[in-house]
Amino acid sequence: MDVSARRLIVQPPEVVARYAMDWRHDHEWTQGIKRAELSAPGPDGGFGVGAEVTRTAHFLGKRIDYVLRVVAHEPPALLEMESVAGPFPMHVTYRFDATPEGGTTASIRIRGDASRHYRLFAPLMARFVRANIRKDLRDLARHVR
């Protein structure tokens, strides 16, 4: 699976990224996330490369706990995370690119392989994930106004 979505947000990248890159807001704008916590700080003691965030989500009626490790953190432009624990391997990329008008093109890309645990749903998985990340971007735009 490799899905992405993007949306124009009428706030500068610094504002959008400050909110979106703060794991304490994950449950406010990311579909299905009920809880997120910094389970391991990065080498500098905070959030950055090497930090790990544990998320609790609900998917297809099941509770899913997974851990994402930050592999790239370049505020306000880029945040990349990969799963190190959870039901399936996943790589999540958030990008926040400035527009000439002073806004932000926000994008989310998710790559992963859920076929091992959700084999019956594999054909629908990409469509479901794409719909969710579109909603994520919609909700992100609402929260940073």
N, C-alpha and C. Protein backbone atom coordinates (compact mmCIF):
# COMPACT_ATOMS: atom_id res chain seq x y z
N MET A 1 0.84 -1.17 0.00
CA MET A 1 0.00 0.00 0.00
C MET A 1 0.89 1.24 0.00
N ASP A 2 0.52 2.20 -0.78
CA ASP A 2 1.21 3.49 -0.84
C ASP A 2 0.16 4.53 -1.20
N VAL A 3 -0.30 5.27 -0.20
CA VAL A 3 -1.37 6.25 -0.42
C VAL A 3 -0.94 7.62 0.09
N SER A 4 -1.49 8.65 -0.54
CA SER A 4 -1.17 10.00 -0.11
C SER A 4 -2.36 10.91 -0.35
N ALA A 5 -2.32 12.04 0.34
CA ALA A 5 -3.33 13.08 0.17
C ALA A 5 -2.66 14.40 0.49
N ARG A 6 -3.22 15.48 -0.09
CA ARG A 6 -2.69 16.81 0.20
C ARG A 6 -3.82 17.81 0.25
N ARG A 7 -3.54 18.92 0.92
CA ARG A 7 -4.56 19.95 1.09
C ARG A 7 -3.88 21.29 1.31
N LEU A 8 -4.48 22.31 0.76
CA LEU A 8 -4.01 23.67 0.98
C LEU A 8 -4.60 24.16 2.30
N ILE A 9 -3.74 24.69 3.15
CA ILE A 9 -4.16 25.26 4.43
C ILE A 9 -3.71 26.72 4.45
N VAL A 10 -4.60 27.61 4.81
CA VAL A 10 -4.32 29.04 4.71
C VAL A 10 -3.61 29.59 5.95
N GLN A 11 -2.61 28.87 6.38
CA GLN A 11 -1.73 29.28 7.47
C GLN A 11 -0.31 28.97 7.02
N PRO A 12 0.68 29.72 7.54
CA PRO A 12 2.07 29.43 7.15
C PRO A 12 2.54 28.07 7.68
N PRO A 13 3.54 27.47 7.03
CA PRO A 13 4.04 26.15 7.45
C PRO A 13 4.44 26.10 8.93
N GLU A 14 4.99 27.17 9.45
CA GLU A 14 5.41 27.18 10.86
C GLU A 14 4.24 26.91 11.80
N VAL A 15 3.09 27.52 11.48
CA VAL A 15 1.90 27.35 12.32
C VAL A 15 1.34 25.94 12.17
N VAL A 16 1.23 25.48 10.94
CA VAL A 16 0.67 24.15 10.67
C VAL A 16 1.57 23.07 11.27
N ALA A 17 2.86 23.16 11.02
CA ALA A 17 3.79 22.14 11.50
C ALA A 17 3.89 22.12 13.03
N ARG A 18 3.88 23.29 13.66
CA ARG A 18 3.96 23.34 15.12
C ARG A 18 2.84 22.52 15.75
N TYR A 19 1.65 22.64 15.19
CA TYR A 19 0.50 21.88 15.69
C TYR A 19 0.60 20.41 15.29
N ALA A 20 0.82 20.14 14.00
CA ALA A 20 0.78 18.77 13.49
C ALA A 20 1.93 17.91 14.00
N MET A 21 3.08 18.50 14.26
CA MET A 21 4.24 17.73 14.71
C MET A 21 4.26 17.52 16.23
N ASP A 22 3.27 18.03 16.92
CA ASP A 22 3.18 17.85 18.37
C ASP A 22 2.30 16.64 18.65
N TRP A 23 2.90 15.56 19.07
CA TRP A 23 2.19 14.31 19.30
C TRP A 23 1.02 14.46 20.27
N ARG A 24 1.04 15.49 21.11
CA ARG A 24 -0.07 15.69 22.05
C ARG A 24 -1.36 16.08 21.35
N HIS A 25 -1.29 16.45 20.07
CA HIS A 25 -2.48 16.80 19.30
C HIS A 25 -2.95 15.66 18.39
N ASP A 26 -2.23 14.56 18.34
CA ASP A 26 -2.57 13.48 17.40
C ASP A 26 -4.04 13.08 17.46
N HIS A 27 -4.57 12.92 18.67
CA HIS A 27 -5.96 12.46 18.82
C HIS A 27 -6.98 13.51 18.37
N GLU A 28 -6.57 14.76 18.22
CA GLU A 28 -7.49 15.82 17.83
C GLU A 28 -7.73 15.88 16.32
N TRP A 29 -6.75 15.44 15.54
CA TRP A 29 -6.91 15.60 14.09
C TRP A 29 -6.62 14.34 13.29
N THR A 30 -6.15 13.28 13.91
CA THR A 30 -5.82 12.06 13.19
C THR A 30 -6.92 11.03 13.42
N GLN A 31 -7.54 10.57 12.35
CA GLN A 31 -8.67 9.66 12.42
C GLN A 31 -8.33 8.40 13.21
N GLY A 32 -9.21 8.04 14.12
CA GLY A 32 -9.07 6.78 14.85
C GLY A 32 -8.14 6.81 16.04
N ILE A 33 -7.30 7.84 16.16
CA ILE A 33 -6.36 7.89 17.28
C ILE A 33 -7.12 8.31 18.53
N LYS A 34 -7.08 7.47 19.54
CA LYS A 34 -7.73 7.77 20.80
C LYS A 34 -6.74 8.31 21.83
N ARG A 35 -5.48 7.92 21.67
CA ARG A 35 -4.47 8.33 22.64
C ARG A 35 -3.10 8.27 21.98
N ALA A 36 -2.25 9.19 22.36
CA ALA A 36 -0.86 9.18 21.90
C ALA A 36 0.01 9.62 23.07
N GLU A 37 1.16 8.99 23.20
CA GLU A 37 2.08 9.39 24.27
C GLU A 37 3.51 9.22 23.80
N LEU A 38 4.35 10.10 24.29
CA LEU A 38 5.78 10.00 23.99
C LEU A 38 6.32 8.87 24.85
N SER A 39 6.58 7.73 24.24
CA SER A 39 7.00 6.56 25.01
C SER A 39 8.51 6.47 25.12
N ALA A 40 9.24 7.17 24.27
CA ALA A 40 10.71 7.23 24.37
C ALA A 40 11.16 8.55 23.77
N PRO A 41 11.83 9.38 24.55
CA PRO A 41 12.33 10.64 23.99
C PRO A 41 13.50 10.39 23.05
N GLY A 42 13.77 11.38 22.21
CA GLY A 42 14.94 11.31 21.35
C GLY A 42 16.20 11.51 22.16
N PRO A 43 17.37 11.40 21.54
CA PRO A 43 18.64 11.54 22.26
C PRO A 43 18.80 12.87 22.99
N ASP A 44 18.11 13.92 22.50
CA ASP A 44 18.21 15.21 23.17
C ASP A 44 17.22 15.36 24.31
N GLY A 45 16.45 14.31 24.58
CA GLY A 45 15.51 14.32 25.68
C GLY A 45 14.10 14.75 25.32
N GLY A 46 13.86 15.13 24.08
CA GLY A 46 12.53 15.58 23.66
C GLY A 46 12.07 14.86 22.42
N PHE A 47 11.22 15.56 21.67
CA PHE A 47 10.69 14.99 20.44
C PHE A 47 11.63 15.35 19.30
N GLY A 48 12.05 14.35 18.56
CA GLY A 48 12.94 14.54 17.42
C GLY A 48 13.37 13.18 16.92
N VAL A 49 14.37 13.15 16.07
CA VAL A 49 14.85 11.88 15.52
C VAL A 49 15.19 10.93 16.67
N GLY A 50 14.66 9.72 16.58
CA GLY A 50 14.89 8.71 17.61
C GLY A 50 13.77 8.62 18.64
N ALA A 51 12.96 9.65 18.76
CA ALA A 51 11.84 9.62 19.70
C ALA A 51 10.80 8.60 19.22
N GLU A 52 10.05 8.07 20.16
CA GLU A 52 9.00 7.11 19.83
C GLU A 52 7.68 7.55 20.43
N VAL A 53 6.63 7.45 19.63
CA VAL A 53 5.28 7.80 20.06
C VAL A 53 4.43 6.55 19.98
N THR A 54 3.77 6.23 21.08
CA THR A 54 2.84 5.10 21.11
C THR A 54 1.44 5.65 20.88
N ARG A 55 0.78 5.10 19.88
CA ARG A 55 -0.59 5.51 19.55
C ARG A 55 -1.54 4.36 19.81
N THR A 56 -2.71 4.69 20.31
CA THR A 56 -3.80 3.74 20.46
C THR A 56 -4.90 4.18 19.51
N ALA A 57 -5.28 3.27 18.62
CA ALA A 57 -6.29 3.58 17.62
C ALA A 57 -7.34 2.48 17.62
N HIS A 58 -8.43 2.76 16.91
CA HIS A 58 -9.45 1.76 16.69
C HIS A 58 -9.65 1.63 15.19
N PHE A 59 -9.58 0.39 14.70
CA PHE A 59 -9.69 0.12 13.27
C PHE A 59 -10.51 -1.13 13.07
N LEU A 60 -11.55 -1.01 12.28
CA LEU A 60 -12.45 -2.14 12.00
C LEU A 60 -12.93 -2.80 13.28
N GLY A 61 -13.25 -1.96 14.28
CA GLY A 61 -13.77 -2.46 15.53
C GLY A 61 -12.75 -3.04 16.49
N LYS A 62 -11.48 -2.95 16.16
CA LYS A 62 -10.45 -3.52 17.02
C LYS A 62 -9.53 -2.42 17.55
N ARG A 63 -9.07 -2.59 18.77
CA ARG A 63 -8.08 -1.69 19.33
C ARG A 63 -6.72 -2.08 18.78
N ILE A 64 -5.97 -1.06 18.36
CA ILE A 64 -4.63 -1.30 17.83
C ILE A 64 -3.67 -0.36 18.55
N ASP A 65 -2.64 -0.93 19.12
CA ASP A 65 -1.56 -0.14 19.72
C ASP A 65 -0.34 -0.30 18.83
N TYR A 66 0.29 0.82 18.51
CA TYR A 66 1.49 0.75 17.70
C TYR A 66 2.45 1.86 18.09
N VAL A 67 3.71 1.65 17.78
CA VAL A 67 4.76 2.60 18.12
C VAL A 67 5.41 3.10 16.85
N LEU A 68 5.48 4.43 16.72
CA LEU A 68 6.15 5.05 15.58
C LEU A 68 7.44 5.71 16.07
N ARG A 69 8.54 5.44 15.39
CA ARG A 69 9.83 6.07 15.70
C ARG A 69 10.09 7.18 14.68
N VAL A 70 10.50 8.33 15.16
CA VAL A 70 10.81 9.46 14.29
C VAL A 70 12.13 9.17 13.58
N VAL A 71 12.10 9.19 12.24
CA VAL A 71 13.32 8.95 11.46
C VAL A 71 13.79 10.21 10.74
N ALA A 72 12.92 11.20 10.62
CA ALA A 72 13.31 12.50 10.07
C ALA A 72 12.44 13.56 10.72
N HIS A 73 13.08 14.64 11.18
CA HIS A 73 12.35 15.72 11.85
C HIS A 73 13.02 17.02 11.43
N GLU A 74 12.39 17.70 10.48
CA GLU A 74 12.94 18.94 9.93
C GLU A 74 11.86 20.01 9.93
N PRO A 75 11.51 20.53 11.14
CA PRO A 75 10.46 21.54 11.20
C PRO A 75 10.86 22.79 10.44
N PRO A 76 9.96 23.44 9.77
CA PRO A 76 8.53 23.13 9.68
C PRO A 76 8.16 22.33 8.43
N ALA A 77 9.12 21.70 7.79
CA ALA A 77 8.85 21.09 6.49
C ALA A 77 8.52 19.60 6.51
N LEU A 78 9.14 18.81 7.40
CA LEU A 78 9.07 17.36 7.25
C LEU A 78 9.08 16.64 8.59
N LEU A 79 8.23 15.61 8.68
CA LEU A 79 8.25 14.66 9.79
C LEU A 79 8.01 13.29 9.18
N GLU A 80 8.95 12.37 9.42
CA GLU A 80 8.80 10.99 8.95
C GLU A 80 8.91 10.06 10.14
N MET A 81 8.02 9.07 10.15
CA MET A 81 8.02 8.08 11.23
C MET A 81 7.82 6.69 10.64
N GLU A 82 8.41 5.70 11.30
CA GLU A 82 8.19 4.32 10.87
C GLU A 82 7.79 3.49 12.09
N SER A 83 6.94 2.50 11.84
CA SER A 83 6.49 1.67 12.95
C SER A 83 7.62 0.74 13.40
N VAL A 84 7.73 0.62 14.70
CA VAL A 84 8.70 -0.30 15.29
C VAL A 84 8.00 -1.36 16.12
N ALA A 85 6.70 -1.17 16.34
CA ALA A 85 5.87 -2.16 17.02
C ALA A 85 4.44 -1.93 16.56
N GLY A 86 3.73 -3.02 16.34
CA GLY A 86 2.34 -2.90 15.91
C GLY A 86 1.96 -4.03 14.99
N PRO A 87 0.74 -3.99 14.50
CA PRO A 87 0.23 -5.11 13.71
C PRO A 87 0.81 -5.21 12.30
N PHE A 88 1.35 -4.11 11.75
CA PHE A 88 1.91 -4.19 10.41
C PHE A 88 2.94 -3.08 10.21
N PRO A 89 3.91 -3.31 9.33
CA PRO A 89 4.92 -2.28 9.05
C PRO A 89 4.30 -1.09 8.33
N MET A 90 4.75 0.10 8.74
CA MET A 90 4.17 1.32 8.18
C MET A 90 5.22 2.43 8.22
N HIS A 91 5.16 3.29 7.22
CA HIS A 91 6.04 4.47 7.14
C HIS A 91 5.12 5.66 6.85
N VAL A 92 5.17 6.67 7.73
CA VAL A 92 4.29 7.84 7.63
C VAL A 92 5.13 9.07 7.37
N THR A 93 4.75 9.86 6.37
CA THR A 93 5.46 11.10 6.03
C THR A 93 4.48 12.26 6.04
N TYR A 94 4.81 13.28 6.82
CA TYR A 94 4.07 14.54 6.82
C TYR A 94 4.97 15.59 6.19
N ARG A 95 4.43 16.33 5.20
CA ARG A 95 5.17 17.44 4.57
C ARG A 95 4.34 18.71 4.68
N PHE A 96 5.04 19.82 4.87
CA PHE A 96 4.40 21.13 4.97
C PHE A 96 5.21 22.09 4.12
N ASP A 97 4.73 22.35 2.91
CA ASP A 97 5.45 23.19 1.95
C ASP A 97 4.76 24.54 1.82
N ALA A 98 5.57 25.61 1.88
CA ALA A 98 5.05 26.96 1.74
C ALA A 98 4.50 27.18 0.34
N THR A 99 3.41 27.93 0.27
CA THR A 99 2.85 28.33 -1.02
C THR A 99 3.24 29.79 -1.26
N PRO A 100 3.23 30.24 -2.51
CA PRO A 100 3.57 31.65 -2.80
C PRO A 100 2.63 32.65 -2.11
N GLU A 101 1.41 32.21 -1.80
CA GLU A 101 0.43 33.09 -1.16
C GLU A 101 0.59 33.16 0.35
N GLY A 102 1.54 32.42 0.90
CA GLY A 102 1.76 32.44 2.35
C GLY A 102 1.09 31.32 3.10
N GLY A 103 0.45 30.41 2.40
CA GLY A 103 -0.18 29.27 3.03
C GLY A 103 0.72 28.05 3.03
N THR A 104 0.11 26.89 3.20
CA THR A 104 0.85 25.63 3.29
C THR A 104 0.16 24.56 2.46
N THR A 105 0.93 23.85 1.67
CA THR A 105 0.43 22.61 1.09
C THR A 105 0.85 21.51 2.05
N ALA A 106 -0.13 20.96 2.75
CA ALA A 106 0.12 19.90 3.72
C ALA A 106 -0.15 18.56 3.04
N SER A 107 0.75 17.60 3.23
CA SER A 107 0.54 16.29 2.62
C SER A 107 0.90 15.19 3.61
N ILE A 108 0.20 14.09 3.45
CA ILE A 108 0.45 12.88 4.24
C ILE A 108 0.62 11.74 3.27
N ARG A 109 1.66 10.94 3.48
CA ARG A 109 1.88 9.72 2.68
C ARG A 109 2.06 8.56 3.66
N ILE A 110 1.36 7.49 3.40
CA ILE A 110 1.46 6.29 4.23
C ILE A 110 1.80 5.11 3.34
N ARG A 111 2.88 4.45 3.69
CA ARG A 111 3.29 3.24 3.00
C ARG A 111 3.31 2.11 4.02
N GLY A 112 2.86 0.95 3.61
CA GLY A 112 2.87 -0.17 4.54
C GLY A 112 2.31 -1.42 3.93
N ASP A 113 2.35 -2.48 4.71
CA ASP A 113 1.85 -3.77 4.26
C ASP A 113 1.00 -4.36 5.38
N ALA A 114 -0.30 -4.24 5.22
CA ALA A 114 -1.22 -4.77 6.23
C ALA A 114 -1.79 -6.12 5.83
N SER A 115 -1.29 -6.70 4.78
CA SER A 115 -1.89 -7.92 4.25
C SER A 115 -1.79 -9.11 5.21
N ARG A 116 -0.76 -9.13 6.04
CA ARG A 116 -0.58 -10.27 6.94
C ARG A 116 -1.72 -10.37 7.96
N HIS A 117 -2.12 -9.23 8.53
CA HIS A 117 -3.15 -9.24 9.57
C HIS A 117 -4.54 -8.93 9.06
N TYR A 118 -4.61 -8.22 7.95
CA TYR A 118 -5.90 -7.80 7.42
C TYR A 118 -6.07 -8.28 5.98
N ARG A 119 -5.68 -9.52 5.74
CA ARG A 119 -5.68 -10.10 4.40
C ARG A 119 -7.04 -9.96 3.72
N LEU A 120 -8.13 -10.21 4.43
CA LEU A 120 -9.45 -10.13 3.84
C LEU A 120 -9.81 -8.70 3.43
N PHE A 121 -9.22 -7.72 4.11
CA PHE A 121 -9.54 -6.33 3.84
C PHE A 121 -8.51 -5.63 2.96
N ALA A 122 -7.47 -6.35 2.56
CA ALA A 122 -6.38 -5.74 1.79
C ALA A 122 -6.87 -4.96 0.56
N PRO A 123 -7.82 -5.47 -0.21
CA PRO A 123 -8.27 -4.70 -1.38
C PRO A 123 -8.90 -3.36 -1.03
N LEU A 124 -9.50 -3.27 0.15
CA LEU A 124 -10.16 -2.03 0.56
C LEU A 124 -9.27 -1.12 1.40
N MET A 125 -8.14 -1.66 1.85
CA MET A 125 -7.29 -0.93 2.79
C MET A 125 -6.81 0.41 2.23
N ALA A 126 -6.31 0.45 1.01
CA ALA A 126 -5.80 1.70 0.45
C ALA A 126 -6.89 2.74 0.35
N ARG A 127 -8.07 2.33 -0.08
CA ARG A 127 -9.19 3.27 -0.20
C ARG A 127 -9.57 3.83 1.18
N PHE A 128 -9.62 2.97 2.17
CA PHE A 128 -9.97 3.38 3.53
C PHE A 128 -8.92 4.33 4.10
N VAL A 129 -7.65 3.99 3.94
CA VAL A 129 -6.57 4.83 4.45
C VAL A 129 -6.57 6.19 3.75
N ARG A 130 -6.74 6.21 2.44
CA ARG A 130 -6.77 7.47 1.69
C ARG A 130 -7.92 8.36 2.20
N ALA A 131 -9.09 7.79 2.41
CA ALA A 131 -10.23 8.56 2.92
C ALA A 131 -9.90 9.12 4.30
N ASN A 132 -9.27 8.33 5.14
CA ASN A 132 -8.93 8.79 6.48
C ASN A 132 -7.90 9.92 6.45
N ILE A 133 -6.87 9.81 5.61
CA ILE A 133 -5.87 10.89 5.62
C ILE A 133 -6.42 12.16 4.99
N ARG A 134 -7.38 12.05 4.11
CA ARG A 134 -8.06 13.25 3.61
C ARG A 134 -8.81 13.92 4.75
N LYS A 135 -9.49 13.13 5.57
CA LYS A 135 -10.18 13.68 6.74
C LYS A 135 -9.18 14.26 7.73
N ASP A 136 -8.03 13.59 7.89
CA ASP A 136 -6.98 14.12 8.78
C ASP A 136 -6.59 15.53 8.35
N LEU A 137 -6.35 15.72 7.07
CA LEU A 137 -5.94 17.03 6.57
C LEU A 137 -7.06 18.06 6.72
N ARG A 138 -8.28 17.65 6.51
CA ARG A 138 -9.43 18.54 6.73
C ARG A 138 -9.47 18.99 8.19
N ASP A 139 -9.32 18.03 9.10
CA ASP A 139 -9.37 18.36 10.52
C ASP A 139 -8.15 19.18 10.95
N LEU A 140 -7.00 18.90 10.37
CA LEU A 140 -5.81 19.70 10.66
C LEU A 140 -6.07 21.16 10.27
N ALA A 141 -6.62 21.38 9.09
CA ALA A 141 -6.92 22.74 8.64
C ALA A 141 -7.88 23.44 9.61
N ARG A 142 -8.83 22.73 10.14
CA ARG A 142 -9.79 23.31 11.09
C ARG A 142 -9.12 23.69 12.41
N HIS A 143 -8.16 22.90 12.84
CA HIS A 143 -7.52 23.15 14.13
C HIS A 143 -6.48 24.25 14.11
N VAL A 144 -5.90 24.55 12.97
CA VAL A 144 -4.84 25.57 12.93
C VAL A 144 -5.36 26.93 12.46
N ARG A 145 -6.62 27.12 12.36
CA ARG A 145 -7.20 28.42 11.95
C ARG A 145 -7.11 29.42 13.06
